[in-house]
Amino acid sequence: MSQITWASNRLMLLLDAYWLTLIGLLAAAVVFTWTYVKPLELEIAQLRYDLQRSPRQSLQLPSENRAINQVEDLARFDAMIPHFDQLTIQLQQIFDAINSQGLEIDKGQYKLTEKSGSSTRRFEASFPVSGSYPGLRQALAQIQQEMPNVAIADIQLQREEMTSPMVEAQLLLVLLVKGER
């Protein structure tokens, strides 16, 4: 028996399996630390150094930025809302967009809601539309793109048969307008 084999057998007898497992885990931890953790620590140190050397920019809290952006967005949106006098023109644009896609509009219901203390009025237009589904989607996309003051509040779709290309839809559109009647 060679001396190396004899020495390893002797070592195995002296140290039982638990100690060998512990030594193996310690060796694995050292390898893991030097392979993965140390490079990450160096990268973090480099990023900190780069951050300290970069010029300071004025920092605003995210909530302040959000509040400023919301106020600006609200002002921009308010500027897009047409006056009440433009309501008939807006309705005609909606009907033209729907008719341009080959859809048919039936008699609808219209309601103006005024909220006290607000200069903005809510005009609801509810009407049935029939035609192709792709045509309906294109008409609604065109309405939303051309008139940001129009919201699609509700759509109810119905087909006679599953394979039918024609749909009947009940639309509820809300138009926001400013000013008095």
Protein backbone atom coordinates (compact mmCIF):
# COMPACT_ATOMS: atom_id res chain seq x y z
CA MET A 1 0.00 0.00 0.00
CA SER A 2 1.42 3.32 -0.94
CA GLN A 3 1.99 5.99 1.64
CA ILE A 4 -0.57 8.36 0.06
CA THR A 5 -3.33 5.77 0.24
CA TRP A 6 -2.33 4.88 3.78
CA ALA A 7 -2.31 8.57 4.80
CA SER A 8 -5.75 9.23 3.26
CA ASN A 9 -7.21 6.15 4.96
CA ARG A 10 -5.68 7.22 8.26
CA LEU A 11 -7.13 10.74 7.78
CA MET A 12 -10.56 9.25 7.06
CA LEU A 13 -10.43 7.32 10.27
CA LEU A 14 -9.40 10.33 12.28
CA LEU A 15 -12.00 12.65 10.78
CA ASP A 16 -15.46 11.31 10.36
CA ALA A 17 -17.87 12.32 7.57
CA TYR A 18 -19.29 15.32 9.44
CA TRP A 19 -15.95 17.06 9.67
CA LEU A 20 -15.23 16.39 6.02
CA THR A 21 -18.60 17.86 5.06
CA LEU A 22 -17.87 20.96 7.14
CA ILE A 23 -14.45 21.41 5.55
CA GLY A 24 -15.99 20.97 2.07
CA LEU A 25 -18.65 23.59 2.78
CA LEU A 26 -16.07 26.05 4.07
CA ALA A 27 -13.95 25.54 0.96
CA ALA A 28 -17.05 26.08 -1.25
CA ALA A 29 -17.90 29.28 0.65
CA VAL A 30 -14.40 30.66 0.10
CA VAL A 31 -14.55 29.85 -3.60
CA PHE A 32 -18.05 31.41 -3.90
CA THR A 33 -16.93 34.56 -2.09
CA TRP A 34 -13.91 35.12 -4.29
CA THR A 35 -15.72 34.17 -7.49
CA TYR A 36 -19.02 36.06 -7.11
CA VAL A 37 -19.11 38.37 -4.09
CA LYS A 38 -15.74 40.13 -4.48
CA PRO A 39 -16.35 41.15 -8.13
CA LEU A 40 -19.74 42.57 -7.11
CA GLU A 41 -18.18 44.51 -4.25
CA LEU A 42 -15.63 45.95 -6.67
CA GLU A 43 -18.40 46.94 -9.09
CA ILE A 44 -20.37 48.63 -6.29
CA ALA A 45 -17.26 50.53 -5.21
CA GLN A 46 -16.69 51.67 -8.81
CA LEU A 47 -20.32 52.84 -9.14
CA ARG A 48 -20.05 54.79 -5.87
CA TYR A 49 -16.85 56.41 -7.09
CA ASP A 50 -18.47 57.33 -10.44
CA LEU A 51 -21.50 58.75 -8.61
CA GLN A 52 -19.34 60.95 -6.40
CA ARG A 53 -17.38 62.27 -9.37
CA SER A 54 -20.47 63.02 -11.51
CA PRO A 55 -21.84 66.57 -11.36
CA ARG A 56 -24.72 67.02 -8.97
CA GLN A 57 -28.08 67.62 -10.58
CA SER A 58 -30.98 69.26 -8.87
CA LEU A 59 -33.08 66.51 -7.46
CA GLN A 60 -36.80 66.83 -6.97
CA LEU A 61 -38.84 64.36 -5.09
CA PRO A 62 -40.85 62.05 -7.31
CA SER A 63 -44.09 63.21 -5.70
CA GLU A 64 -43.25 66.82 -6.62
CA ASN A 65 -42.50 65.81 -10.21
CA ARG A 66 -45.74 63.87 -10.40
CA ALA A 67 -47.72 66.78 -8.99
CA ILE A 68 -46.15 69.24 -11.43
CA ASN A 69 -46.76 66.87 -14.35
CA GLN A 70 -50.36 66.32 -13.30
CA VAL A 71 -51.00 70.06 -13.14
CA GLU A 72 -49.42 70.55 -16.58
CA ASP A 73 -51.34 67.59 -18.01
CA LEU A 74 -54.60 68.91 -16.58
CA ALA A 75 -53.96 72.36 -18.04
CA ARG A 76 -53.17 70.83 -21.47
CA PHE A 77 -56.28 68.67 -21.33
CA ASP A 78 -58.43 71.61 -20.25
CA ALA A 79 -57.16 73.56 -23.27
CA MET A 80 -58.33 70.70 -25.56
CA ILE A 81 -61.92 70.79 -24.31
CA PRO A 82 -64.06 72.69 -26.83
CA HIS A 83 -66.74 75.24 -25.97
CA PHE A 84 -70.38 74.18 -25.74
CA ASP A 85 -71.04 75.96 -29.06
CA GLN A 86 -68.84 73.34 -30.78
CA LEU A 87 -70.99 70.43 -29.57
CA THR A 88 -72.94 70.01 -32.80
CA ILE A 89 -69.70 70.07 -34.80
CA GLN A 90 -68.22 67.41 -32.51
CA LEU A 91 -71.30 65.21 -32.89
CA GLN A 92 -71.12 65.58 -36.66
CA GLN A 93 -67.44 64.52 -36.58
CA ILE A 94 -68.42 61.43 -34.56
CA PHE A 95 -71.19 60.53 -37.00
CA ASP A 96 -68.89 61.14 -39.99
CA ALA A 97 -66.23 58.84 -38.50
CA ILE A 98 -68.81 56.11 -37.95
CA ASN A 99 -70.40 56.52 -41.40
CA SER A 100 -66.98 56.57 -43.11
CA GLN A 101 -66.44 52.98 -41.97
CA GLY A 102 -69.72 51.83 -43.54
CA LEU A 103 -71.54 51.60 -40.21
CA GLU A 104 -75.19 52.49 -39.71
CA ILE A 105 -76.36 54.68 -36.85
CA ASP A 106 -79.86 54.44 -35.46
CA LYS A 107 -81.76 56.98 -33.36
CA GLY A 108 -79.98 57.72 -30.10
CA GLN A 109 -80.49 59.34 -26.72
CA TYR A 110 -78.62 62.44 -25.65
CA LYS A 111 -78.23 63.95 -22.20
CA LEU A 112 -76.38 67.01 -20.88
CA THR A 113 -75.18 66.85 -17.28
CA GLU A 114 -74.10 70.02 -15.54
CA LYS A 115 -72.21 69.98 -12.28
CA SER A 116 -72.53 73.05 -10.09
CA GLY A 117 -69.29 74.90 -9.51
CA SER A 118 -67.66 73.51 -12.63
CA SER A 119 -67.28 75.11 -16.04
CA THR A 120 -67.10 71.68 -17.70
CA ARG A 121 -70.29 69.99 -18.89
CA ARG A 122 -70.77 66.31 -19.61
CA PHE A 123 -72.74 65.42 -22.73
CA GLU A 124 -73.72 61.76 -23.07
CA ALA A 125 -74.60 60.32 -26.46
CA SER A 126 -76.02 56.80 -26.51
CA PHE A 127 -76.90 55.23 -29.84
CA PRO A 128 -76.96 51.85 -31.59
CA VAL A 129 -74.51 51.16 -34.42
CA SER A 130 -74.49 48.20 -36.78
CA GLY A 131 -71.84 47.04 -39.23
CA SER A 132 -68.54 45.21 -39.29
CA TYR A 133 -66.47 44.79 -36.15
CA PRO A 134 -63.21 46.03 -37.75
CA GLY A 135 -65.10 49.09 -39.03
CA LEU A 136 -66.40 49.80 -35.54
CA ARG A 137 -62.90 49.52 -34.06
CA GLN A 138 -61.46 51.86 -36.69
CA ALA A 139 -64.24 54.41 -36.20
CA LEU A 140 -63.74 54.44 -32.42
CA ALA A 141 -59.97 54.73 -32.82
CA GLN A 142 -60.43 57.66 -35.19
CA ILE A 143 -62.82 59.37 -32.76
CA GLN A 144 -60.40 58.98 -29.87
CA GLN A 145 -57.47 60.24 -31.90
CA GLU A 146 -59.22 63.28 -33.35
CA MET A 147 -61.23 64.28 -30.26
CA PRO A 148 -59.46 63.88 -26.91
CA ASN A 149 -62.50 65.27 -25.10
CA VAL A 150 -64.56 62.19 -26.09
CA ALA A 151 -64.55 59.16 -23.82
CA ILE A 152 -65.96 55.75 -24.64
CA ALA A 153 -68.00 55.07 -21.51
CA ASP A 154 -69.67 51.82 -22.56
CA ILE A 155 -69.84 49.42 -25.49
CA GLN A 156 -72.20 46.48 -25.71
CA LEU A 157 -71.60 44.16 -28.66
CA GLN A 158 -73.95 41.54 -30.03
CA ARG A 159 -73.84 39.16 -33.01
CA GLU A 160 -76.69 37.11 -34.37
CA GLU A 161 -74.37 34.17 -35.03
CA MET A 162 -70.80 33.47 -33.99
CA THR A 163 -69.57 33.44 -37.58
CA SER A 164 -71.47 36.56 -38.65
CA PRO A 165 -69.18 39.43 -39.76
CA MET A 166 -71.80 41.97 -38.71
CA VAL A 167 -72.19 43.25 -35.16
CA GLU A 168 -74.72 45.40 -33.42
CA ALA A 169 -73.26 47.71 -30.83
CA GLN A 170 -74.76 50.03 -28.27
CA LEU A 171 -72.33 52.90 -27.73
CA LEU A 172 -72.23 55.38 -24.88
CA LEU A 173 -69.87 58.24 -25.64
CA VAL A 174 -69.20 61.10 -23.22
CA LEU A 175 -68.18 64.48 -24.60
CA LEU A 176 -66.72 67.08 -22.28
CA VAL A 177 -67.51 70.69 -23.21
CA LYS A 178 -66.91 74.04 -21.53
CA GLY A 179 -69.20 76.99 -21.00
CA GLU A 180 -72.89 77.73 -20.75
CA ARG A 181 -75.61 76.61 -23.10
